[in-house]
PDB file of all heavy atoms in Angstrom:
ATOM      1  N   VAL A   1       7.953  12.852  -3.551  1.00  0.00           N
ATOM      2  CA  VAL A   1       7.269  12.257  -2.411  1.00  0.00           C
ATOM      3  C   VAL A   1       7.844  10.896  -2.151  1.00  0.00           C
ATOM      4  O   VAL A   1       8.199  10.140  -3.081  1.00  0.00           O
ATOM      5  CB  VAL A   1       5.752  12.194  -2.647  1.00  0.00           C
ATOM      6  CG1 VAL A   1       5.407  11.281  -3.801  1.00  0.00           C
ATOM      7  CG2 VAL A   1       5.030  11.773  -1.381  1.00  0.00           C
ATOM      8  N   GLN A   2       7.957  10.527  -0.916  1.00  0.00           N
ATOM      9  CA  GLN A   2       8.387   9.179  -0.516  1.00  0.00           C
ATOM     10  C   GLN A   2       7.194   8.398   0.047  1.00  0.00           C
ATOM     11  O   GLN A   2       6.443   8.945   0.819  1.00  0.00           O
ATOM     12  CB  GLN A   2       9.523   9.276   0.502  1.00  0.00           C
ATOM     13  CG  GLN A   2      10.809   9.896   0.001  1.00  0.00           C
ATOM     14  CD  GLN A   2      10.704  11.422  -0.080  1.00  0.00           C
ATOM     15  OE1 GLN A   2      10.291  12.066   0.862  1.00  0.00           O
ATOM     16  NE2 GLN A   2      11.153  11.939  -1.221  1.00  0.00           N
ATOM     17  N   LEU A   3       7.107   7.163  -0.331  1.00  0.00           N
ATOM     18  CA  LEU A   3       5.977   6.334   0.070  1.00  0.00           C
ATOM     19  C   LEU A   3       6.491   5.084   0.771  1.00  0.00           C
ATOM     20  O   LEU A   3       7.398   4.428   0.293  1.00  0.00           O
ATOM     21  CB  LEU A   3       5.171   5.930  -1.169  1.00  0.00           C
ATOM     22  CG  LEU A   3       4.677   7.066  -2.070  1.00  0.00           C
ATOM     23  CD1 LEU A   3       4.053   6.490  -3.332  1.00  0.00           C
ATOM     24  CD2 LEU A   3       3.681   7.912  -1.325  1.00  0.00           C
ATOM     25  N   VAL A   4       5.846   4.778   1.853  1.00  0.00           N
ATOM     26  CA  VAL A   4       6.248   3.550   2.658  1.00  0.00           C
ATOM     27  C   VAL A   4       4.980   2.797   3.008  1.00  0.00           C
ATOM     28  O   VAL A   4       4.123   3.282   3.747  1.00  0.00           O
ATOM     29  CB  VAL A   4       6.969   3.918   3.895  1.00  0.00           C
ATOM     30  CG1 VAL A   4       7.356   2.645   4.723  1.00  0.00           C
ATOM     31  CG2 VAL A   4       8.260   4.708   3.599  1.00  0.00           C
ATOM     32  N   GLU A   5       4.879   1.575   2.458  1.00  0.00           N
ATOM     33  CA  GLU A   5       3.738   0.716   2.763  1.00  0.00           C
ATOM     34  C   GLU A   5       3.952  -0.116   4.023  1.00  0.00           C
ATOM     35  O   GLU A   5       5.133  -0.390   4.401  1.00  0.00           O
ATOM     36  CB  GLU A   5       3.517  -0.287   1.616  1.00  0.00           C
ATOM     37  CG  GLU A   5       3.272   0.325   0.241  1.00  0.00           C
ATOM     38  CD  GLU A   5       4.535   0.441  -0.565  1.00  0.00           C
ATOM     39  OE1 GLU A   5       5.635   0.485   0.004  1.00  0.00           O
ATOM     40  OE2 GLU A   5       4.400   0.446  -1.801  1.00  0.00           O
ATOM     41  N   SER A   6       2.881  -0.434   4.690  1.00  0.00           N
ATOM     42  CA  SER A   6       2.938  -1.298   5.865  1.00  0.00           C
ATOM     43  C   SER A   6       1.675  -2.054   5.997  1.00  0.00           C
ATOM     44  O   SER A   6       0.644  -1.724   5.374  1.00  0.00           O
ATOM     45  CB  SER A   6       3.253  -0.501   7.130  1.00  0.00           C
ATOM     46  OG  SER A   6       2.224   0.415   7.394  1.00  0.00           O
ATOM     47  N   GLY A   7       1.613  -3.070   6.851  1.00  0.00           N
ATOM     48  CA  GLY A   7       0.410  -3.782   7.146  1.00  0.00           C
ATOM     49  C   GLY A   7       0.294  -5.124   6.514  1.00  0.00           C
ATOM     50  O   GLY A   7      -0.688  -5.856   6.786  1.00  0.00           O
ATOM     51  N   GLY A   8       1.204  -5.493   5.667  1.00  0.00           N
ATOM     52  CA  GLY A   8       1.138  -6.788   5.037  1.00  0.00           C
ATOM     53  C   GLY A   8       1.489  -7.889   6.006  1.00  0.00           C
ATOM     54  O   GLY A   8       1.974  -7.651   7.120  1.00  0.00           O
ATOM     55  N   GLY A   9       1.210  -9.130   5.612  1.00  0.00           N
ATOM     56  CA  GLY A   9       1.474 -10.236   6.471  1.00  0.00           C
ATOM     57  C   GLY A   9       0.841 -11.511   5.942  1.00  0.00           C
ATOM     58  O   GLY A   9       0.351 -11.542   4.848  1.00  0.00           O
ATOM     59  N   LEU A  10       0.857 -12.531   6.760  1.00  0.00           N
ATOM     60  CA  LEU A  10       0.285 -13.797   6.444  1.00  0.00           C
ATOM     61  C   LEU A  10      -1.091 -13.926   7.097  1.00  0.00           C
ATOM     62  O   LEU A  10      -1.207 -13.821   8.350  1.00  0.00           O
ATOM     63  CB  LEU A  10       1.209 -14.939   6.916  1.00  0.00           C
ATOM     64  CG  LEU A  10       0.708 -16.361   6.775  1.00  0.00           C
ATOM     65  CD1 LEU A  10       0.502 -16.701   5.300  1.00  0.00           C
ATOM     66  CD2 LEU A  10       1.685 -17.332   7.428  1.00  0.00           C
ATOM     67  N   VAL A  11      -2.106 -14.198   6.297  1.00  0.00           N
ATOM     68  CA  VAL A  11      -3.420 -14.351   6.821  1.00  0.00           C
ATOM     69  C   VAL A  11      -4.115 -15.540   6.178  1.00  0.00           C
ATOM     70  O   VAL A  11      -3.614 -16.101   5.182  1.00  0.00           O
ATOM     71  CB  VAL A  11      -4.325 -13.126   6.554  1.00  0.00           C
ATOM     72  CG1 VAL A  11      -3.785 -11.894   7.263  1.00  0.00           C
ATOM     73  CG2 VAL A  11      -4.418 -12.814   5.062  1.00  0.00           C
ATOM     74  N   GLN A  12      -5.204 -15.959   6.749  1.00  0.00           N
ATOM     75  CA  GLN A  12      -5.956 -17.050   6.142  1.00  0.00           C
ATOM     76  C   GLN A  12      -7.046 -16.582   5.250  1.00  0.00           C
ATOM     77  O   GLN A  12      -7.512 -15.454   5.359  1.00  0.00           O
ATOM     78  CB  GLN A  12      -6.627 -17.869   7.286  1.00  0.00           C
ATOM     79  CG  GLN A  12      -5.648 -18.592   8.213  1.00  0.00           C
ATOM     80  CD  GLN A  12      -6.365 -19.351   9.296  1.00  0.00           C
ATOM     81  OE1 GLN A  12      -6.357 -19.012  10.440  1.00  0.00           O
ATOM     82  NE2 GLN A  12      -6.964 -20.491   8.863  1.00  0.00           N
ATOM     83  N   ALA A  13      -7.437 -17.422   4.284  1.00  0.00           N
ATOM     84  CA  ALA A  13      -8.476 -17.082   3.379  1.00  0.00           C
ATOM     85  C   ALA A  13      -9.743 -16.708   4.162  1.00  0.00           C
ATOM     86  O   ALA A  13     -10.073 -17.358   5.153  1.00  0.00           O
ATOM     87  CB  ALA A  13      -8.787 -18.242   2.473  1.00  0.00           C
ATOM     88  N   GLY A  14     -10.377 -15.640   3.734  1.00  0.00           N
ATOM     89  CA  GLY A  14     -11.564 -15.121   4.414  1.00  0.00           C
ATOM     90  C   GLY A  14     -11.282 -14.023   5.423  1.00  0.00           C
ATOM     91  O   GLY A  14     -12.192 -13.336   5.869  1.00  0.00           O
ATOM     92  N   ASP A  15     -10.016 -13.890   5.795  1.00  0.00           N
ATOM     93  CA  ASP A  15      -9.645 -12.841   6.764  1.00  0.00           C
ATOM     94  C   ASP A  15      -9.604 -11.475   6.079  1.00  0.00           C
ATOM     95  O   ASP A  15      -9.747 -11.313   4.889  1.00  0.00           O
ATOM     96  CB  ASP A  15      -8.243 -13.139   7.331  1.00  0.00           C
ATOM     97  CG  ASP A  15      -8.290 -14.251   8.382  1.00  0.00           C
ATOM     98  OD1 ASP A  15      -9.348 -14.763   8.690  1.00  0.00           O
ATOM     99  OD2 ASP A  15      -7.169 -14.682   8.802  1.00  0.00           O
ATOM    100  N   SER A  16      -9.374 -10.454   6.936  1.00  0.00           N
ATOM    101  CA  SER A  16      -9.263  -9.118   6.514  1.00  0.00           C
ATOM    102  C   SER A  16      -7.896  -8.522   6.862  1.00  0.00           C
ATOM    103  O   SER A  16      -7.211  -9.001   7.817  1.00  0.00           O
ATOM    104  CB  SER A  16     -10.377  -8.264   7.160  1.00  0.00           C
ATOM    105  OG  SER A  16     -11.670  -8.636   6.757  1.00  0.00           O
ATOM    106  N   LEU A  17      -7.506  -7.540   6.141  1.00  0.00           N
ATOM    107  CA  LEU A  17      -6.224  -6.911   6.315  1.00  0.00           C
ATOM    108  C   LEU A  17      -6.304  -5.459   5.852  1.00  0.00           C
ATOM    109  O   LEU A  17      -6.987  -5.175   4.846  1.00  0.00           O
ATOM    110  CB  LEU A  17      -5.155  -7.640   5.528  1.00  0.00           C
ATOM    111  CG  LEU A  17      -3.679  -7.483   5.952  1.00  0.00           C
ATOM    112  CD1 LEU A  17      -3.457  -7.977   7.359  1.00  0.00           C
ATOM    113  CD2 LEU A  17      -2.809  -8.257   4.993  1.00  0.00           C
ATOM    114  N   ARG A  18      -5.655  -4.580   6.592  1.00  0.00           N
ATOM    115  CA  ARG A  18      -5.637  -3.161   6.112  1.00  0.00           C
ATOM    116  C   ARG A  18      -4.180  -2.768   5.870  1.00  0.00           C
ATOM    117  O   ARG A  18      -3.347  -2.787   6.807  1.00  0.00           O
ATOM    118  CB  ARG A  18      -6.255  -2.249   7.115  1.00  0.00           C
ATOM    119  CG  ARG A  18      -6.368  -0.839   6.586  1.00  0.00           C
ATOM    120  CD  ARG A  18      -7.080   0.139   7.539  1.00  0.00           C
ATOM    121  NE  ARG A  18      -6.194   0.626   8.625  1.00  0.00           N
ATOM    122  CZ  ARG A  18      -6.422   1.706   9.346  1.00  0.00           C
ATOM    123  NH1 ARG A  18      -7.500   2.428   9.120  1.00  0.00           N
ATOM    124  NH2 ARG A  18      -5.560   2.002  10.280  1.00  0.00           N
ATOM    125  N   LEU A  19      -3.917  -2.369   4.689  1.00  0.00           N
ATOM    126  CA  LEU A  19      -2.588  -1.857   4.321  1.00  0.00           C
ATOM    127  C   LEU A  19      -2.572  -0.353   4.440  1.00  0.00           C
ATOM    128  O   LEU A  19      -3.594   0.304   4.244  1.00  0.00           O
ATOM    129  CB  LEU A  19      -2.226  -2.248   2.905  1.00  0.00           C
ATOM    130  CG  LEU A  19      -2.301  -3.708   2.538  1.00  0.00           C
ATOM    131  CD1 LEU A  19      -1.857  -3.911   1.060  1.00  0.00           C
ATOM    132  CD2 LEU A  19      -1.492  -4.540   3.465  1.00  0.00           C
ATOM    133  N   SER A  20      -1.436   0.200   4.857  1.00  0.00           N
ATOM    134  CA  SER A  20      -1.277   1.636   4.936  1.00  0.00           C
ATOM    135  C   SER A  20      -0.124   2.055   4.045  1.00  0.00           C
ATOM    136  O   SER A  20       0.861   1.325   3.903  1.00  0.00           O
ATOM    137  CB  SER A  20      -1.033   2.077   6.379  1.00  0.00           C
ATOM    138  OG  SER A  20      -2.114   1.708   7.217  1.00  0.00           O
ATOM    139  N   CYS A  21      -0.177   3.288   3.558  1.00  0.00           N
ATOM    140  CA  CYS A  21       0.875   3.890   2.803  1.00  0.00           C
ATOM    141  C   CYS A  21       1.057   5.255   3.359  1.00  0.00           C
ATOM    142  O   CYS A  21       0.212   6.139   3.197  1.00  0.00           O
ATOM    143  CB  CYS A  21       0.553   3.879   1.343  1.00  0.00           C
ATOM    144  SG  CYS A  21       1.746   4.755   0.318  1.00  0.00           S
ATOM    145  N   ALA A  22       2.242   5.484   3.970  1.00  0.00           N
ATOM    146  CA  ALA A  22       2.532   6.826   4.562  1.00  0.00           C
ATOM    147  C   ALA A  22       3.381   7.564   3.565  1.00  0.00           C
ATOM    148  O   ALA A  22       4.395   7.075   3.043  1.00  0.00           O
ATOM    149  CB  ALA A  22       3.275   6.668   5.856  1.00  0.00           C
ATOM    150  N   ALA A  23       2.955   8.825   3.328  1.00  0.00           N
ATOM    151  CA  ALA A  23       3.703   9.694   2.366  1.00  0.00           C
ATOM    152  C   ALA A  23       4.402  10.797   3.086  1.00  0.00           C
ATOM    153  O   ALA A  23       3.837  11.354   4.068  1.00  0.00           O
ATOM    154  CB  ALA A  23       2.735  10.222   1.353  1.00  0.00           C
ATOM    155  N   SER A  24       5.548  11.129   2.609  1.00  0.00           N
ATOM    156  CA  SER A  24       6.271  12.290   3.147  1.00  0.00           C
ATOM    157  C   SER A  24       6.863  13.102   1.985  1.00  0.00           C
ATOM    158  O   SER A  24       7.264  12.503   0.962  1.00  0.00           O
ATOM    159  CB  SER A  24       7.358  11.848   4.099  1.00  0.00           C
ATOM    160  OG  SER A  24       8.296  10.968   3.456  1.00  0.00           O
ATOM    161  N   GLY A  25       6.912  14.381   2.128  1.00  0.00           N
ATOM    162  CA  GLY A  25       7.365  15.228   1.023  1.00  0.00           C
ATOM    163  C   GLY A  25       6.249  15.545   0.077  1.00  0.00           C
ATOM    164  O   GLY A  25       5.208  14.825   0.066  1.00  0.00           O
ATOM    165  N   GLY A  26       6.395  16.582  -0.675  1.00  0.00           N
ATOM    166  CA  GLY A  26       5.362  16.969  -1.601  1.00  0.00           C
ATOM    167  C   GLY A  26       4.116  17.469  -0.893  1.00  0.00           C
ATOM    168  O   GLY A  26       4.099  17.675   0.321  1.00  0.00           O
ATOM    169  N   THR A  27       3.077  17.602  -1.664  1.00  0.00           N
ATOM    170  CA  THR A  27       1.761  17.962  -1.096  1.00  0.00           C
ATOM    171  C   THR A  27       0.828  16.787  -1.332  1.00  0.00           C
ATOM    172  O   THR A  27       0.282  16.572  -2.426  1.00  0.00           O
ATOM    173  CB  THR A  27       1.219  19.232  -1.746  1.00  0.00           C
ATOM    174  OG1 THR A  27       2.149  20.327  -1.594  1.00  0.00           O
ATOM    175  CG2 THR A  27      -0.151  19.632  -1.133  1.00  0.00           C
ATOM    176  N   PHE A  28       0.661  16.028  -0.272  1.00  0.00           N
ATOM    177  CA  PHE A  28      -0.072  14.727  -0.447  1.00  0.00           C
ATOM    178  C   PHE A  28      -1.443  14.910  -1.042  1.00  0.00           C
ATOM    179  O   PHE A  28      -1.841  14.054  -1.886  1.00  0.00           O
ATOM    180  CB  PHE A  28      -0.177  14.073   0.942  1.00  0.00           C
ATOM    181  CG  PHE A  28      -0.849  12.757   0.944  1.00  0.00           C
ATOM    182  CD1 PHE A  28      -0.270  11.673   0.329  1.00  0.00           C
ATOM    183  CD2 PHE A  28      -2.101  12.621   1.506  1.00  0.00           C
ATOM    184  CE1 PHE A  28      -0.899  10.445   0.258  1.00  0.00           C
ATOM    185  CE2 PHE A  28      -2.792  11.383   1.485  1.00  0.00           C
ATOM    186  CZ  PHE A  28      -2.160  10.284   0.858  1.00  0.00           C
ATOM    187  N   SER A  29      -2.175  15.958  -0.669  1.00  0.00           N
ATOM    188  CA  SER A  29      -3.522  16.142  -1.145  1.00  0.00           C
ATOM    189  C   SER A  29      -3.589  16.450  -2.646  1.00  0.00           C
ATOM    190  O   SER A  29      -4.691  16.464  -3.226  1.00  0.00           O
ATOM    191  CB  SER A  29      -4.245  17.272  -0.365  1.00  0.00           C
ATOM    192  OG  SER A  29      -3.582  18.496  -0.522  1.00  0.00           O
ATOM    193  N   ARG A  30      -2.479  16.712  -3.267  1.00  0.00           N
ATOM    194  CA  ARG A  30      -2.447  16.981  -4.707  1.00  0.00           C
ATOM    195  C   ARG A  30      -1.846  15.819  -5.487  1.00  0.00           C
ATOM    196  O   ARG A  30      -1.358  15.997  -6.640  1.00  0.00           O
ATOM    197  CB  ARG A  30      -1.706  18.290  -4.987  1.00  0.00           C
ATOM    198  CG  ARG A  30      -2.525  19.506  -4.534  1.00  0.00           C
ATOM    199  CD  ARG A  30      -3.844  19.582  -5.308  1.00  0.00           C
ATOM    200  NE  ARG A  30      -4.665  20.675  -4.882  1.00  0.00           N
ATOM    201  CZ  ARG A  30      -5.619  20.595  -3.940  1.00  0.00           C
ATOM    202  NH1 ARG A  30      -5.916  19.450  -3.372  1.00  0.00           N
ATOM    203  NH2 ARG A  30      -6.319  21.657  -3.628  1.00  0.00           N
ATOM    204  N   TYR A  31      -1.809  14.677  -4.900  1.00  0.00           N
ATOM    205  CA  TYR A  31      -1.429  13.423  -5.594  1.00  0.00           C
ATOM    206  C   TYR A  31      -2.624  12.504  -5.626  1.00  0.00           C
ATOM    207  O   TYR A  31      -3.178  12.195  -4.573  1.00  0.00           O
ATOM    208  CB  TYR A  31      -0.274  12.713  -4.848  1.00  0.00           C
ATOM    209  CG  TYR A  31       1.081  13.403  -4.863  1.00  0.00           C
ATOM    210  CD1 TYR A  31       1.482  14.149  -3.793  1.00  0.00           C
ATOM    211  CD2 TYR A  31       1.885  13.323  -5.990  1.00  0.00           C
ATOM    212  CE1 TYR A  31       2.732  14.799  -3.804  1.00  0.00           C
ATOM    213  CE2 TYR A  31       3.109  13.932  -5.996  1.00  0.00           C
ATOM    214  CZ  TYR A  31       3.524  14.669  -4.928  1.00  0.00           C
ATOM    215  OH  TYR A  31       4.762  15.255  -4.949  1.00  0.00           O
ATOM    216  N   ALA A  32      -3.002  12.083  -6.795  1.00  0.00           N
ATOM    217  CA  ALA A  32      -3.880  10.920  -6.874  1.00  0.00           C
ATOM    218  C   ALA A  32      -3.099   9.728  -6.436  1.00  0.00           C
ATOM    219  O   ALA A  32      -1.887   9.650  -6.700  1.00  0.00           O
ATOM    220  CB  ALA A  32      -4.385  10.752  -8.305  1.00  0.00           C
ATOM    221  N   MET A  33      -3.734   8.777  -5.768  1.00  0.00           N
ATOM    222  CA  MET A  33      -3.005   7.625  -5.209  1.00  0.00           C
ATOM    223  C   MET A  33      -3.612   6.380  -5.718  1.00  0.00           C
ATOM    224  O   MET A  33      -4.806   6.231  -5.983  1.00  0.00           O
ATOM    225  CB  MET A  33      -3.117   7.652  -3.676  1.00  0.00           C
ATOM    226  CG  MET A  33      -2.534   8.920  -3.002  1.00  0.00           C
ATOM    227  SD  MET A  33      -0.728   9.090  -3.324  1.00  0.00           S
ATOM    228  CE  MET A  33      -0.133   7.643  -2.463  1.00  0.00           C
ATOM    229  N   GLY A  34      -2.746   5.376  -5.865  1.00  0.00           N
ATOM    230  CA  GLY A  34      -3.180   4.094  -6.345  1.00  0.00           C
ATOM    231  C   GLY A  34      -2.491   2.950  -5.621  1.00  0.00           C
ATOM    232  O   GLY A  34      -1.447   3.129  -4.983  1.00  0.00           O
ATOM    233  N   TRP A  35      -3.119   1.784  -5.598  1.00  0.00           N
ATOM    234  CA  TRP A  35      -2.604   0.567  -5.115  1.00  0.00           C
ATOM    235  C   TRP A  35      -2.518  -0.442  -6.290  1.00  0.00           C
ATOM    236  O   TRP A  35      -3.458  -0.566  -7.064  1.00  0.00           O
ATOM    237  CB  TRP A  35      -3.443  -0.072  -4.004  1.00  0.00           C
ATOM    238  CG  TRP A  35      -3.313   0.615  -2.683  1.00  0.00           C
ATOM    239  CD1 TRP A  35      -4.171   1.557  -2.192  1.00  0.00           C
ATOM    240  CD2 TRP A  35      -2.322   0.349  -1.672  1.00  0.00           C
ATOM    241  NE1 TRP A  35      -3.742   1.911  -0.895  1.00  0.00           N
ATOM    242  CE2 TRP A  35      -2.640   1.208  -0.594  1.00  0.00           C
ATOM    243  CE3 TRP A  35      -1.243  -0.505  -1.624  1.00  0.00           C
ATOM    244  CZ2 TRP A  35      -1.842   1.185   0.562  1.00  0.00           C
ATOM    245  CZ3 TRP A  35      -0.453  -0.514  -0.449  1.00  0.00           C
ATOM    246  CH2 TRP A  35      -0.789   0.359   0.607  1.00  0.00           C
ATOM    247  N   PHE A  36      -1.371  -1.061  -6.387  1.00  0.00           N
ATOM    248  CA  PHE A  36      -1.081  -2.097  -7.385  1.00  0.00           C
ATOM    249  C   PHE A  36      -0.590  -3.340  -6.675  1.00  0.00           C
ATOM    250  O   PHE A  36      -0.082  -3.215  -5.556  1.00  0.00           O
ATOM    251  CB  PHE A  36      -0.120  -1.596  -8.427  1.00  0.00           C
ATOM    252  CG  PHE A  36      -0.642  -0.500  -9.303  1.00  0.00           C
ATOM    253  CD1 PHE A  36      -0.720   0.786  -8.852  1.00  0.00           C
ATOM    254  CD2 PHE A  36      -1.090  -0.756 -10.572  1.00  0.00           C
ATOM    255  CE1 PHE A  36      -1.149   1.828  -9.628  1.00  0.00           C
ATOM    256  CE2 PHE A  36      -1.558   0.212 -11.425  1.00  0.00           C
ATOM    257  CZ  PHE A  36      -1.582   1.519 -10.898  1.00  0.00           C
ATOM    258  N   ARG A  37      -0.586  -4.436  -7.314  1.00  0.00           N
ATOM    259  CA  ARG A  37      -0.028  -5.656  -6.747  1.00  0.00           C
ATOM    260  C   ARG A  37       0.651  -6.475  -7.839  1.00  0.00           C
ATOM    261  O   ARG A  37       0.322  -6.367  -9.006  1.00  0.00           O
ATOM    262  CB  ARG A  37      -1.079  -6.485  -6.055  1.00  0.00           C
ATOM    263  CG  ARG A  37      -2.126  -7.066  -6.932  1.00  0.00           C
ATOM    264  CD  ARG A  37      -3.258  -7.739  -6.155  1.00  0.00           C
ATOM    265  NE  ARG A  37      -4.242  -8.367  -6.960  1.00  0.00           N
ATOM    266  CZ  ARG A  37      -5.382  -8.926  -6.513  1.00  0.00           C
ATOM    267  NH1 ARG A  37      -5.624  -8.934  -5.222  1.00  0.00           N
ATOM    268  NH2 ARG A  37      -6.232  -9.481  -7.377  1.00  0.00           N
ATOM    269  N   GLN A  38       1.598  -7.232  -7.393  1.00  0.00           N
ATOM    270  CA  GLN A  38       2.387  -8.059  -8.309  1.00  0.00           C
ATOM    271  C   GLN A  38       2.679  -9.412  -7.674  1.00  0.00           C
ATOM    272  O   GLN A  38       3.332  -9.493  -6.642  1.00  0.00           O
ATOM    273  CB  GLN A  38       3.708  -7.378  -8.724  1.00  0.00           C
ATOM    274  CG  GLN A  38       4.449  -8.071  -9.827  1.00  0.00           C
ATOM    275  CD  GLN A  38       5.523  -7.202 -10.417  1.00  0.00           C
ATOM    276  OE1 GLN A  38       6.046  -6.301  -9.742  1.00  0.00           O
ATOM    277  NE2 GLN A  38       5.889  -7.452 -11.654  1.00  0.00           N
ATOM    278  N   ALA A  39       2.235 -10.467  -8.350  1.00  0.00           N
ATOM    279  CA  ALA A  39       2.515 -11.848  -7.900  1.00  0.00           C
ATOM    280  C   ALA A  39       3.716 -12.309  -8.677  1.00  0.00           C
ATOM    281  O   ALA A  39       4.049 -11.811  -9.738  1.00  0.00           O
ATOM    282  CB  ALA A  39       1.328 -12.727  -8.149  1.00  0.00           C
ATOM    283  N   PRO A  40       4.450 -13.331  -8.132  1.00  0.00           N
ATOM    284  CA  PRO A  40       5.632 -13.839  -8.812  1.00  0.00           C
ATOM    285  C   PRO A  40       5.285 -14.311 -10.245  1.00  0.00           C
ATOM    286  O   PRO A  40       4.316 -15.006 -10.456  1.00  0.00           O
ATOM    287  CB  PRO A  40       6.037 -14.977  -7.948  1.00  0.00           C
ATOM    288  CG  PRO A  40       5.546 -14.653  -6.588  1.00  0.00           C
ATOM    289  CD  PRO A  40       4.228 -13.947  -6.817  1.00  0.00           C
ATOM    290  N   GLY A  41       6.108 -13.887 -11.161  1.00  0.00           N
ATOM    291  CA  GLY A  41       5.947 -14.265 -12.599  1.00  0.00           C
ATOM    292  C   GLY A  41       4.820 -13.539 -13.282  1.00  0.00           C
ATOM    293  O   GLY A  41       4.534 -13.847 -14.478  1.00  0.00           O
ATOM    294  N   LYS A  42       4.182 -12.575 -12.667  1.00  0.00           N
ATOM    295  CA  LYS A  42       3.084 -11.858 -13.264  1.00  0.00           C
ATOM    296  C   LYS A  42       3.413 -10.376 -13.333  1.00  0.00           C
ATOM    297  O   LYS A  42       4.272  -9.880 -12.643  1.00  0.00           O
ATOM    298  CB  LYS A  42       1.787 -12.092 -12.496  1.00  0.00           C
ATOM    299  CG  LYS A  42       1.319 -13.502 -12.517  1.00  0.00           C
ATOM    300  CD  LYS A  42      -0.019 -13.668 -11.822  1.00  0.00           C
ATOM    301  CE  LYS A  42      -0.490 -15.096 -11.815  1.00  0.00           C
ATOM    302  NZ  LYS A  42      -0.755 -15.562 -13.195  1.00  0.00           N
TER     303      LYS A  42
END
């Protein structure tokens, strides 16, 4: 399966944002999905 994230950007504290991850290939409904994040140096 191939995954492509979108929706990121620059926002102010207190704002809202919705990220999307579009999947292609495989059977999407048979994949558990997760979101992770990584800050510099962490």
